[in-house]
């Protein structure tokens, strides 16, 4: 076994599994204590402020809040392991897992489409600007690109969403303002969730590409009259993938969190909108289950991106080993 772990890939995968499990355990603990940190008595909130003491006690017993905290945590932990997240506190006959299964595809779809659009557009845009401004050419383009992306980054996602609705749905009537009844309903929410990350990642790609395009191997490729498309696809893009994948992992996690705002703005029937509704209703059981799911998705996405990064750039295997 030690000889196997001395190899880069087994050691790397074992480390990632350990980090994954540790992060999930921390997430389980945080989502459990979240309910107990809510001001006031959760049983009183669920039963209603006009409920009698007997009704409050009955509600506390139904929710399991009358048991010792450690017993509550153990039951919650076992439930998570068995994918049993309990029932909604407001609607006792509704299972949290059923709500998540019904709403998760909507959130996952806009997040995955958004990250795909972000990576493709950012690579193309950053490379284009870097190529056109190479050697201090077209300084107006470099300045304009920096100003436009910085301005877009300063806008909150809900402002971007509102602008898109006003322009494309209200004024021009080209796209639906909300809901998920047709394929065109995906356009505005995915655009809103991707604009900020595109600006951030394309700025990074532009900086990295400016360095890559001045490397000796790129000068050699230009000297051999290799086509621009081949120069970029074969030599520039592979050297940009490491930094792009690293940033895309962070952006995907932010997108999953940003879906909460985007889904509310566009009345999108995903987990983001549902968690807002559950918080307003004080449905702490549903809130806890959704936050646990969103956090687990973000952790999983980052582990997958780390593995893809290791496949693209094996040097990260040795770097990770050196850090440990």
C-alpha atoms as a PDB file:
ATOM      1  CA  UNK A   1       0.000   0.000   0.000  1.00  0.00           C
ATOM      2  CA  UNK A   2       2.722   2.622   0.828  1.00  0.00           C
ATOM      3  CA  UNK A   3       4.354   1.885  -2.540  1.00  0.00           C
ATOM      4  CA  UNK A   4       1.031   2.561  -4.299  1.00  0.00           C
ATOM      5  CA  UNK A   5       0.501   5.805  -2.400  1.00  0.00           C
ATOM      6  CA  UNK A   6       3.967   6.938  -3.425  1.00  0.00           C
ATOM      7  CA  UNK A   7       2.726   7.227  -6.986  1.00  0.00           C
ATOM      8  CA  UNK A   8       1.325  10.636  -7.977  1.00  0.00           C
ATOM      9  CA  UNK A   9      -2.206   9.688  -9.016  1.00  0.00           C
ATOM     10  CA  UNK A  10      -3.151   7.371  -6.094  1.00  0.00           C
ATOM     11  CA  UNK A  11      -1.772   9.885  -3.597  1.00  0.00           C
ATOM     12  CA  UNK A  12      -3.602  12.733  -5.348  1.00  0.00           C
ATOM     13  CA  UNK A  13      -6.936  10.873  -5.446  1.00  0.00           C
ATOM     14  CA  UNK A  14      -6.614   9.783  -1.819  1.00  0.00           C
ATOM     15  CA  UNK A  15      -5.935  13.379  -0.804  1.00  0.00           C
ATOM     16  CA  UNK A  16      -8.958  14.603  -2.771  1.00  0.00           C
ATOM     17  CA  UNK A  17     -11.204  11.961  -1.216  1.00  0.00           C
ATOM     18  CA  UNK A  18     -10.014  13.003   2.251  1.00  0.00           C
ATOM     19  CA  UNK A  19     -10.622  16.690   1.507  1.00  0.00           C
ATOM     20  CA  UNK A  20     -14.039  15.870   0.042  1.00  0.00           C
ATOM     21  CA  UNK A  21     -15.146  13.874   3.086  1.00  0.00           C
ATOM     22  CA  UNK A  22     -13.787  16.503   5.490  1.00  0.00           C
ATOM     23  CA  UNK A  23     -15.594  19.312   3.682  1.00  0.00           C
ATOM     24  CA  UNK A  24     -18.856  17.355   3.654  1.00  0.00           C
ATOM     25  CA  UNK A  25     -18.571  16.657   7.384  1.00  0.00           C
ATOM     26  CA  UNK A  26     -18.039  20.348   8.061  1.00  0.00           C
ATOM     27  CA  UNK A  27     -21.051  21.158   5.887  1.00  0.00           C
ATOM     28  CA  UNK A  28     -23.234  18.659   7.775  1.00  0.00           C
ATOM     29  CA  UNK A  29     -22.207  20.176  11.115  1.00  0.00           C
ATOM     30  CA  UNK A  30     -22.808  23.743   9.925  1.00  0.00           C
ATOM     31  CA  UNK A  31     -26.230  23.001   8.464  1.00  0.00           C
ATOM     32  CA  UNK A  32     -27.235  21.226  11.689  1.00  0.00           C
ATOM     33  CA  UNK A  33     -26.238  24.023  14.055  1.00  0.00           C
ATOM     34  CA  UNK A  34     -27.785  26.584  11.689  1.00  0.00           C
ATOM     35  CA  UNK A  35     -31.253  25.701  12.989  1.00  0.00           C
ATOM     36  CA  UNK A  36     -30.159  26.061  16.598  1.00  0.00           C
ATOM     37  CA  UNK A  37     -28.649  29.484  15.942  1.00  0.00           C
ATOM     38  CA  UNK A  38     -31.939  30.914  14.697  1.00  0.00           C
ATOM     39  CA  UNK A  39     -33.197  33.527  17.203  1.00  0.00           C
ATOM     40  CA  UNK A  40     -36.183  32.382  19.203  1.00  0.00           C
ATOM     41  CA  UNK A  41     -37.795  28.989  19.592  1.00  0.00           C
ATOM     42  CA  UNK A  42     -38.168  27.180  16.230  1.00  0.00           C
ATOM     43  CA  UNK A  43     -41.105  25.181  17.616  1.00  0.00           C
ATOM     44  CA  UNK A  44     -42.884  28.415  18.590  1.00  0.00           C
ATOM     45  CA  UNK A  45     -42.234  29.869  15.131  1.00  0.00           C
ATOM     46  CA  UNK A  46     -43.623  26.776  13.374  1.00  0.00           C
ATOM     47  CA  UNK A  47     -46.611  26.378  15.705  1.00  0.00           C
ATOM     48  CA  UNK A  48     -47.471  30.077  15.472  1.00  0.00           C
ATOM     49  CA  UNK A  49     -47.225  32.928  17.911  1.00  0.00           C
ATOM     50  CA  UNK A  50     -50.840  32.368  19.027  1.00  0.00           C
ATOM     51  CA  UNK A  51     -50.330  28.654  19.710  1.00  0.00           C
ATOM     52  CA  UNK A  52     -50.822  27.341  23.228  1.00  0.00           C
ATOM     53  CA  UNK A  53     -48.016  25.840  25.288  1.00  0.00           C
ATOM     54  CA  UNK A  54     -49.384  22.348  24.600  1.00  0.00           C
ATOM     55  CA  UNK A  55     -49.364  22.980  20.837  1.00  0.00           C
ATOM     56  CA  UNK A  56     -45.789  24.267  20.987  1.00  0.00           C
ATOM     57  CA  UNK A  57     -44.686  21.173  22.919  1.00  0.00           C
ATOM     58  CA  UNK A  58     -46.455  18.920  20.428  1.00  0.00           C
ATOM     59  CA  UNK A  59     -44.688  20.708  17.573  1.00  0.00           C
ATOM     60  CA  UNK A  60     -41.361  20.376  19.361  1.00  0.00           C
ATOM     61  CA  UNK A  61     -41.928  16.645  19.743  1.00  0.00           C
ATOM     62  CA  UNK A  62     -42.937  16.268  16.079  1.00  0.00           C
ATOM     63  CA  UNK A  63     -39.762  18.039  14.954  1.00  0.00           C
ATOM     64  CA  UNK A  64     -37.578  16.075  17.382  1.00  0.00           C
ATOM     65  CA  UNK A  65     -36.420  19.229  19.144  1.00  0.00           C
ATOM     66  CA  UNK A  66     -37.273  17.813  22.567  1.00  0.00           C
ATOM     67  CA  UNK A  67     -34.400  15.319  22.394  1.00  0.00           C
ATOM     68  CA  UNK A  68     -30.767  16.001  23.440  1.00  0.00           C
ATOM     69  CA  UNK A  69     -28.745  17.920  20.863  1.00  0.00           C
ATOM     70  CA  UNK A  70     -26.276  15.086  20.317  1.00  0.00           C
ATOM     71  CA  UNK A  71     -29.144  12.672  19.639  1.00  0.00           C
ATOM     72  CA  UNK A  72     -30.620  15.173  17.153  1.00  0.00           C
ATOM     73  CA  UNK A  73     -27.274  15.498  15.400  1.00  0.00           C
ATOM     74  CA  UNK A  74     -26.794  11.724  15.193  1.00  0.00           C
ATOM     75  CA  UNK A  75     -30.241  11.280  13.663  1.00  0.00           C
ATOM     76  CA  UNK A  76     -29.532  14.084  11.191  1.00  0.00           C
ATOM     77  CA  UNK A  77     -26.110  12.625  10.331  1.00  0.00           C
ATOM     78  CA  UNK A  78     -27.541   9.139   9.739  1.00  0.00           C
ATOM     79  CA  UNK A  79     -30.301  10.675   7.646  1.00  0.00           C
ATOM     80  CA  UNK A  80     -27.750  12.448   5.455  1.00  0.00           C
ATOM     81  CA  UNK A  81     -25.793   9.215   4.994  1.00  0.00           C
ATOM     82  CA  UNK A  82     -28.961   7.411   3.914  1.00  0.00           C
ATOM     83  CA  UNK A  83     -30.137  10.368   1.775  1.00  0.00           C
ATOM     84  CA  UNK A  84     -33.103  10.854   4.105  1.00  0.00           C
ATOM     85  CA  UNK A  85     -33.301  14.596   4.768  1.00  0.00           C
ATOM     86  CA  UNK A  86     -36.536  14.388   6.700  1.00  0.00           C
ATOM     87  CA  UNK A  87     -39.772  16.245   6.055  1.00  0.00           C
ATOM     88  CA  UNK A  88     -40.674  19.861   5.595  1.00  0.00           C
ATOM     89  CA  UNK A  89     -41.353  21.540   8.921  1.00  0.00           C
ATOM     90  CA  UNK A  90     -44.248  23.515   7.486  1.00  0.00           C
ATOM     91  CA  UNK A  91     -45.721  20.653   5.429  1.00  0.00           C
ATOM     92  CA  UNK A  92     -45.083  17.454   7.432  1.00  0.00           C
ATOM     93  CA  UNK A  93     -46.231  15.159   4.613  1.00  0.00           C
ATOM     94  CA  UNK A  94     -43.710  16.618   2.130  1.00  0.00           C
ATOM     95  CA  UNK A  95     -40.270  15.017   2.081  1.00  0.00           C
ATOM     96  CA  UNK A  96     -37.325  17.393   1.652  1.00  0.00           C
ATOM     97  CA  UNK A  97     -35.597  14.954  -0.717  1.00  0.00           C
ATOM     98  CA  UNK A  98     -38.637  14.977  -3.020  1.00  0.00           C
ATOM     99  CA  UNK A  99     -38.587  18.767  -3.233  1.00  0.00           C
ATOM    100  CA  UNK A 100     -34.853  18.769  -3.977  1.00  0.00           C
ATOM    101  CA  UNK A 101     -35.167  16.080  -6.674  1.00  0.00           C
ATOM    102  CA  UNK A 102     -37.955  18.072  -8.338  1.00  0.00           C
ATOM    103  CA  UNK A 103     -36.149  21.440  -8.239  1.00  0.00           C
ATOM    104  CA  UNK A 104     -32.488  20.434  -8.623  1.00  0.00           C
ATOM    105  CA  UNK A 105     -32.570  19.899 -12.425  1.00  0.00           C
ATOM    106  CA  UNK A 106     -33.629  23.515 -12.963  1.00  0.00           C
ATOM    107  CA  UNK A 107     -30.776  24.889 -10.862  1.00  0.00           C
ATOM    108  CA  UNK A 108     -28.223  22.458 -12.280  1.00  0.00           C
ATOM    109  CA  UNK A 109     -29.234  23.265 -15.855  1.00  0.00           C
ATOM    110  CA  UNK A 110     -28.678  27.021 -15.658  1.00  0.00           C
ATOM    111  CA  UNK A 111     -25.476  26.551 -13.621  1.00  0.00           C
ATOM    112  CA  UNK A 112     -23.950  24.040 -16.062  1.00  0.00           C
ATOM    113  CA  UNK A 113     -25.052  25.987 -19.138  1.00  0.00           C
ATOM    114  CA  UNK A 114     -23.742  29.139 -17.519  1.00  0.00           C
ATOM    115  CA  UNK A 115     -20.287  27.691 -16.790  1.00  0.00           C
ATOM    116  CA  UNK A 116     -20.055  26.220 -20.306  1.00  0.00           C
ATOM    117  CA  UNK A 117     -20.899  29.593 -21.845  1.00  0.00           C
ATOM    118  CA  UNK A 118     -18.488  31.312 -19.464  1.00  0.00           C
ATOM    119  CA  UNK A 119     -15.524  29.098 -20.320  1.00  0.00           C
ATOM    120  CA  UNK A 120     -16.087  29.181 -24.095  1.00  0.00           C
ATOM    121  CA  UNK A 121     -16.813  32.903 -24.367  1.00  0.00           C
ATOM    122  CA  UNK A 122     -14.056  33.884 -21.925  1.00  0.00           C
ATOM    123  CA  UNK A 123     -11.407  31.867 -23.768  1.00  0.00           C
ATOM    124  CA  UNK A 124     -12.469  33.239 -27.146  1.00  0.00           C
ATOM    125  CA  UNK A 125     -12.838  36.831 -25.954  1.00  0.00           C
ATOM    126  CA  UNK A 126      -9.647  36.901 -23.891  1.00  0.00           C
ATOM    127  CA  UNK A 127      -7.583  35.359 -26.699  1.00  0.00           C
ATOM    128  CA  UNK A 128      -9.094  37.710 -29.269  1.00  0.00           C
ATOM    129  CA  UNK A 129      -8.309  40.834 -27.256  1.00  0.00           C
ATOM    130  CA  UNK A 130      -4.831  39.561 -26.365  1.00  0.00           C
ATOM    131  CA  UNK A 131      -4.086  38.801 -30.027  1.00  0.00           C
ATOM    132  CA  UNK A 132      -5.376  42.126 -31.313  1.00  0.00           C
ATOM    133  CA  UNK A 133      -3.476  44.107 -28.654  1.00  0.00           C
ATOM    134  CA  UNK A 134      -0.210  42.116 -28.853  1.00  0.00           C
ATOM    135  CA  UNK A 135       2.866  44.351 -29.100  1.00  0.00           C
ATOM    136  CA  UNK A 136       1.036  47.433 -27.743  1.00  0.00           C
ATOM    137  CA  UNK A 137      -1.276  47.557 -30.741  1.00  0.00           C
ATOM    138  CA  UNK A 138      -4.879  48.835 -30.543  1.00  0.00           C
ATOM    139  CA  UNK A 139      -4.518  50.347 -27.096  1.00  0.00           C
ATOM    140  CA  UNK A 140      -8.036  51.746 -27.420  1.00  0.00           C
ATOM    141  CA  UNK A 141      -9.347  48.161 -27.579  1.00  0.00           C
ATOM    142  CA  UNK A 142      -7.380  47.151 -24.491  1.00  0.00           C
ATOM    143  CA  UNK A 143      -8.662  50.178 -22.543  1.00  0.00           C
ATOM    144  CA  UNK A 144     -12.231  49.715 -23.741  1.00  0.00           C
ATOM    145  CA  UNK A 145     -12.195  46.013 -22.888  1.00  0.00           C
ATOM    146  CA  UNK A 146     -10.931  46.740 -19.390  1.00  0.00           C
ATOM    147  CA  UNK A 147     -13.475  49.518 -18.825  1.00  0.00           C
ATOM    148  CA  UNK A 148     -16.467  47.528 -20.092  1.00  0.00           C
ATOM    149  CA  UNK A 149     -15.639  44.365 -18.139  1.00  0.00           C
ATOM    150  CA  UNK A 150     -14.918  46.331 -14.959  1.00  0.00           C
ATOM    151  CA  UNK A 151     -18.218  48.199 -15.291  1.00  0.00           C
ATOM    152  CA  UNK A 152     -20.150  44.957 -15.819  1.00  0.00           C
ATOM    153  CA  UNK A 153     -18.449  43.369 -12.809  1.00  0.00           C
ATOM    154  CA  UNK A 154     -19.613  46.288 -10.658  1.00  0.00           C
ATOM    155  CA  UNK A 155     -23.272  45.511 -11.408  1.00  0.00           C
ATOM    156  CA  UNK A 156     -25.022  43.102  -9.001  1.00  0.00           C
ATOM    157  CA  UNK A 157     -26.561  40.069 -10.663  1.00  0.00           C
ATOM    158  CA  UNK A 158     -30.099  41.178  -9.795  1.00  0.00           C
ATOM    159  CA  UNK A 159     -29.497  44.499 -11.569  1.00  0.00           C
ATOM    160  CA  UNK A 160     -28.237  42.646 -14.650  1.00  0.00           C
ATOM    161  CA  UNK A 161     -31.290  40.401 -14.513  1.00  0.00           C
ATOM    162  CA  UNK A 162     -33.650  43.376 -14.226  1.00  0.00           C
ATOM    163  CA  UNK A 163     -31.986  45.102 -17.195  1.00  0.00           C
ATOM    164  CA  UNK A 164     -32.304  41.973 -19.322  1.00  0.00           C
ATOM    165  CA  UNK A 165     -35.989  41.643 -18.450  1.00  0.00           C
ATOM    166  CA  UNK A 166     -36.734  45.284 -19.246  1.00  0.00           C
ATOM    167  CA  UNK A 167     -34.864  45.235 -22.576  1.00  0.00           C
ATOM    168  CA  UNK A 168     -35.597  41.781 -24.006  1.00  0.00           C
ATOM    169  CA  UNK A 169     -38.923  40.909 -22.373  1.00  0.00           C
ATOM    170  CA  UNK A 170     -40.732  44.182 -21.693  1.00  0.00           C
ATOM    171  CA  UNK A 171     -39.493  46.573 -24.370  1.00  0.00           C
ATOM    172  CA  UNK A 172     -38.746  44.207 -27.253  1.00  0.00           C
ATOM    173  CA  UNK A 173     -40.912  41.247 -26.281  1.00  0.00           C
ATOM    174  CA  UNK A 174     -38.389  38.767 -27.663  1.00  0.00           C
ATOM    175  CA  UNK A 175     -38.016  36.495 -24.641  1.00  0.00           C
ATOM    176  CA  UNK A 176     -40.151  35.425 -21.659  1.00  0.00           C
ATOM    177  CA  UNK A 177     -39.536  37.396 -18.474  1.00  0.00           C
ATOM    178  CA  UNK A 178     -39.768  34.391 -16.180  1.00  0.00           C
ATOM    179  CA  UNK A 179     -40.791  30.812 -15.653  1.00  0.00           C
ATOM    180  CA  UNK A 180     -39.423  27.679 -17.284  1.00  0.00           C
ATOM    181  CA  UNK A 181     -42.191  26.766 -19.684  1.00  0.00           C
ATOM    182  CA  UNK A 182     -40.136  26.811 -22.893  1.00  0.00           C
ATOM    183  CA  UNK A 183     -36.554  26.518 -24.086  1.00  0.00           C
ATOM    184  CA  UNK A 184     -36.256  30.270 -24.639  1.00  0.00           C
ATOM    185  CA  UNK A 185     -36.891  30.717 -20.915  1.00  0.00           C
ATOM    186  CA  UNK A 186     -33.310  29.560 -20.299  1.00  0.00           C
ATOM    187  CA  UNK A 187     -31.727  32.417 -22.237  1.00  0.00           C
ATOM    188  CA  UNK A 188     -32.183  35.335 -19.839  1.00  0.00           C
ATOM    189  CA  UNK A 189     -31.347  33.534 -16.547  1.00  0.00           C
ATOM    190  CA  UNK A 190     -28.235  31.866 -17.969  1.00  0.00           C
ATOM    191  CA  UNK A 191     -27.131  35.158 -19.510  1.00  0.00           C
ATOM    192  CA  UNK A 192     -27.643  36.985 -16.228  1.00  0.00           C
ATOM    193  CA  UNK A 193     -25.692  34.395 -14.265  1.00  0.00           C
ATOM    194  CA  UNK A 194     -22.851  34.254 -16.821  1.00  0.00           C
ATOM    195  CA  UNK A 195     -22.157  37.934 -17.579  1.00  0.00           C
ATOM    196  CA  UNK A 196     -20.180  38.625 -14.401  1.00  0.00           C
ATOM    197  CA  UNK A 197     -18.077  35.429 -14.573  1.00  0.00           C
ATOM    198  CA  UNK A 198     -17.399  36.039 -18.281  1.00  0.00           C
ATOM    199  CA  UNK A 199     -16.023  39.480 -17.490  1.00  0.00           C
ATOM    200  CA  UNK A 200     -13.885  38.145 -14.647  1.00  0.00           C
ATOM    201  CA  UNK A 201     -12.524  35.113 -16.502  1.00  0.00           C
ATOM    202  CA  UNK A 202     -11.946  36.907 -19.818  1.00  0.00           C
ATOM    203  CA  UNK A 203      -9.816  39.517 -18.023  1.00  0.00           C
ATOM    204  CA  UNK A 204      -7.731  36.696 -16.535  1.00  0.00           C
ATOM    205  CA  UNK A 205      -7.470  34.930 -19.910  1.00  0.00           C
ATOM    206  CA  UNK A 206      -6.432  38.175 -21.573  1.00  0.00           C
ATOM    207  CA  UNK A 207      -3.605  38.677 -19.049  1.00  0.00           C
ATOM    208  CA  UNK A 208      -2.425  35.069 -19.259  1.00  0.00           C
ATOM    209  CA  UNK A 209      -2.704  35.035 -23.058  1.00  0.00           C
ATOM    210  CA  UNK A 210      -0.627  38.198 -23.347  1.00  0.00           C
ATOM    211  CA  UNK A 211       2.221  36.347 -21.608  1.00  0.00           C
ATOM    212  CA  UNK A 212       1.727  33.129 -23.579  1.00  0.00           C
ATOM    213  CA  UNK A 213       1.706  34.906 -26.954  1.00  0.00           C
ATOM    214  CA  UNK A 214       5.148  36.369 -26.233  1.00  0.00           C
ATOM    215  CA  UNK A 215       6.749  33.015 -25.409  1.00  0.00           C
ATOM    216  CA  UNK A 216       9.483  31.647 -27.668  1.00  0.00           C
ATOM    217  CA  UNK A 217       7.394  28.737 -28.935  1.00  0.00           C
ATOM    218  CA  UNK A 218       4.669  31.160 -30.052  1.00  0.00           C
ATOM    219  CA  UNK A 219       7.217  33.342 -31.825  1.00  0.00           C
ATOM    220  CA  UNK A 220       8.571  30.219 -33.517  1.00  0.00           C
ATOM    221  CA  UNK A 221       5.074  29.220 -34.622  1.00  0.00           C
ATOM    222  CA  UNK A 222       4.528  32.666 -36.114  1.00  0.00           C
ATOM    223  CA  UNK A 223       7.927  32.497 -37.778  1.00  0.00           C
ATOM    224  CA  UNK A 224       7.013  29.209 -39.435  1.00  0.00           C
ATOM    225  CA  UNK A 225       3.877  30.862 -40.815  1.00  0.00           C
ATOM    226  CA  UNK A 226       1.602  28.468 -38.959  1.00  0.00           C
ATOM    227  CA  UNK A 227      -2.020  29.549 -39.281  1.00  0.00           C
ATOM    228  CA  UNK A 228      -3.384  31.710 -36.488  1.00  0.00           C
ATOM    229  CA  UNK A 229      -6.134  29.202 -35.724  1.00  0.00           C
ATOM    230  CA  UNK A 230      -3.568  26.427 -35.261  1.00  0.00           C
ATOM    231  CA  UNK A 231      -1.276  28.647 -33.191  1.00  0.00           C
ATOM    232  CA  UNK A 232      -4.079  29.389 -30.768  1.00  0.00           C
ATOM    233  CA  UNK A 233      -5.750  25.965 -30.662  1.00  0.00           C
ATOM    234  CA  UNK A 234      -2.574  23.861 -30.460  1.00  0.00           C
ATOM    235  CA  UNK A 235      -0.173  26.081 -28.521  1.00  0.00           C
ATOM    236  CA  UNK A 236      -1.991  28.911 -26.721  1.00  0.00           C
ATOM    237  CA  UNK A 237      -5.199  27.289 -25.438  1.00  0.00           C
ATOM    238  CA  UNK A 238      -3.541  24.240 -23.779  1.00  0.00           C
ATOM    239  CA  UNK A 239      -1.309  26.581 -21.802  1.00  0.00           C
ATOM    240  CA  UNK A 240      -4.314  28.594 -20.658  1.00  0.00           C
ATOM    241  CA  UNK A 241      -6.440  25.652 -19.558  1.00  0.00           C
ATOM    242  CA  UNK A 242      -4.789  25.241 -16.156  1.00  0.00           C
ATOM    243  CA  UNK A 243      -5.565  28.745 -14.941  1.00  0.00           C
ATOM    244  CA  UNK A 244      -8.962  28.696 -16.661  1.00  0.00           C
ATOM    245  CA  UNK A 245     -10.017  25.448 -14.990  1.00  0.00           C
ATOM    246  CA  UNK A 246      -8.792  26.676 -11.614  1.00  0.00           C
ATOM    247  CA  UNK A 247     -10.886  29.827 -11.870  1.00  0.00           C
ATOM    248  CA  UNK A 248     -13.879  27.999 -13.349  1.00  0.00           C
ATOM    249  CA  UNK A 249     -14.135  25.848 -10.214  1.00  0.00           C
ATOM    250  CA  UNK A 250     -14.507  28.952  -8.077  1.00  0.00           C
ATOM    251  CA  UNK A 251     -16.902  30.506 -10.577  1.00  0.00           C
ATOM    252  CA  UNK A 252     -19.114  27.397 -10.700  1.00  0.00           C
ATOM    253  CA  UNK A 253     -19.448  27.439  -6.918  1.00  0.00           C
ATOM    254  CA  UNK A 254     -20.330  31.140  -7.094  1.00  0.00           C
ATOM    255  CA  UNK A 255     -22.850  30.416  -9.863  1.00  0.00           C
ATOM    256  CA  UNK A 256     -24.640  27.834  -7.744  1.00  0.00           C
ATOM    257  CA  UNK A 257     -24.873  30.410  -4.965  1.00  0.00           C
ATOM    258  CA  UNK A 258     -25.821  33.179  -7.393  1.00  0.00           C
ATOM    259  CA  UNK A 259     -28.674  31.023  -8.653  1.00  0.00           C
ATOM    260  CA  UNK A 260     -30.532  31.978  -5.476  1.00  0.00           C
ATOM    261  CA  UNK A 261     -30.789  35.571  -6.702  1.00  0.00           C
ATOM    262  CA  UNK A 262     -31.229  34.801 -10.396  1.00  0.00           C
ATOM    263  CA  UNK A 263     -34.019  32.288  -9.798  1.00  0.00           C
ATOM    264  CA  UNK A 264     -35.872  34.778  -7.631  1.00  0.00           C
ATOM    265  CA  UNK A 265     -35.601  37.528 -10.263  1.00  0.00           C
ATOM    266  CA  UNK A 266     -36.767  35.266 -13.104  1.00  0.00           C
ATOM    267  CA  UNK A 267     -39.291  33.197 -11.103  1.00  0.00           C
ATOM    268  CA  UNK A 268     -37.212  30.139 -11.942  1.00  0.00           C
ATOM    269  CA  UNK A 269     -38.492  26.972 -10.194  1.00  0.00           C
ATOM    270  CA  UNK A 270     -35.103  25.858  -8.884  1.00  0.00           C
ATOM    271  CA  UNK A 271     -33.467  25.356  -5.504  1.00  0.00           C
ATOM    272  CA  UNK A 272     -32.455  29.003  -5.244  1.00  0.00           C
ATOM    273  CA  UNK A 273     -35.981  30.321  -5.357  1.00  0.00           C
ATOM    274  CA  UNK A 274     -37.190  27.479  -3.133  1.00  0.00           C
ATOM    275  CA  UNK A 275     -34.658  28.214  -0.405  1.00  0.00           C
ATOM    276  CA  UNK A 276     -35.715  31.876  -0.368  1.00  0.00           C
ATOM    277  CA  UNK A 277     -39.345  30.817   0.011  1.00  0.00           C
ATOM    278  CA  UNK A 278     -38.443  28.360   2.776  1.00  0.00           C
ATOM    279  CA  UNK A 279     -36.550  31.050   4.687  1.00  0.00           C
ATOM    280  CA  UNK A 280     -39.501  33.416   4.445  1.00  0.00           C
ATOM    281  CA  UNK A 281     -41.828  30.641   5.664  1.00  0.00           C
ATOM    282  CA  UNK A 282     -39.378  29.664   8.442  1.00  0.00           C
ATOM    283  CA  UNK A 283     -39.350  26.135   7.050  1.00  0.00           C
ATOM    284  CA  UNK A 284     -35.981  25.322   8.603  1.00  0.00           C
ATOM    285  CA  UNK A 285     -36.053  21.643   7.666  1.00  0.00           C
ATOM    286  CA  UNK A 286     -36.380  22.455   3.969  1.00  0.00           C
ATOM    287  CA  UNK A 287     -33.878  25.309   4.223  1.00  0.00           C
ATOM    288  CA  UNK A 288     -31.300  23.053   5.835  1.00  0.00           C
ATOM    289  CA  UNK A 289     -31.736  20.333   3.218  1.00  0.00           C
ATOM    290  CA  UNK A 290     -31.394  22.738   0.281  1.00  0.00           C
ATOM    291  CA  UNK A 291     -28.327  24.486   1.711  1.00  0.00           C
ATOM    292  CA  UNK A 292     -26.751  21.082   2.356  1.00  0.00           C
ATOM    293  CA  UNK A 293     -27.445  20.068  -1.258  1.00  0.00           C
ATOM    294  CA  UNK A 294     -26.118  23.306  -2.755  1.00  0.00           C
ATOM    295  CA  UNK A 295     -22.988  23.095  -0.617  1.00  0.00           C
ATOM    296  CA  UNK A 296     -22.416  19.445  -1.533  1.00  0.00           C
ATOM    297  CA  UNK A 297     -22.777  20.313  -5.230  1.00  0.00           C
ATOM    298  CA  UNK A 298     -20.217  23.106  -4.904  1.00  0.00           C
ATOM    299  CA  UNK A 299     -17.746  20.814  -3.100  1.00  0.00           C
ATOM    300  CA  UNK A 300     -18.231  18.058  -5.672  1.00  0.00           C
ATOM    301  CA  UNK A 301     -17.786  20.479  -8.567  1.00  0.00           C
ATOM    302  CA  UNK A 302     -14.480  21.726  -7.177  1.00  0.00           C
ATOM    303  CA  UNK A 303     -13.170  18.179  -6.702  1.00  0.00           C
ATOM    304  CA  UNK A 304     -14.107  17.293 -10.293  1.00  0.00           C
ATOM    305  CA  UNK A 305     -12.392  20.429 -11.581  1.00  0.00           C
ATOM    306  CA  UNK A 306      -9.268  19.582  -9.563  1.00  0.00           C
ATOM    307  CA  UNK A 307      -9.180  16.135 -11.197  1.00  0.00           C
ATOM    308  CA  UNK A 308      -9.664  17.642 -14.668  1.00  0.00           C
ATOM    309  CA  UNK A 309      -6.894  20.113 -13.911  1.00  0.00           C
ATOM    310  CA  UNK A 310      -4.596  17.251 -12.944  1.00  0.00           C
ATOM    311  CA  UNK A 311      -5.419  15.495 -16.229  1.00  0.00           C
ATOM    312  CA  UNK A 312      -4.657  18.641 -18.226  1.00  0.00           C
ATOM    313  CA  UNK A 313      -1.584  19.644 -16.232  1.00  0.00           C
ATOM    314  CA  UNK A 314       0.092  16.711 -14.405  1.00  0.00           C
ATOM    315  CA  UNK A 315       2.418  19.168 -12.673  1.00  0.00           C
ATOM    316  CA  UNK A 316      -0.405  19.869 -10.208  1.00  0.00           C
ATOM    317  CA  UNK A 317      -0.005  16.320  -8.897  1.00  0.00           C
ATOM    318  CA  UNK A 318       3.564  16.994  -7.824  1.00  0.00           C
ATOM    319  CA  UNK A 319       2.660  20.475  -6.595  1.00  0.00           C
ATOM    320  CA  UNK A 320      -0.095  19.099  -4.389  1.00  0.00           C
ATOM    321  CA  UNK A 321       2.241  16.449  -3.005  1.00  0.00           C
ATOM    322  CA  UNK A 322       4.858  19.066  -2.213  1.00  0.00           C
ATOM    323  CA  UNK A 323       2.314  21.106  -0.299  1.00  0.00           C
ATOM    324  CA  UNK A 324       1.389  18.162   1.868  1.00  0.00           C
END
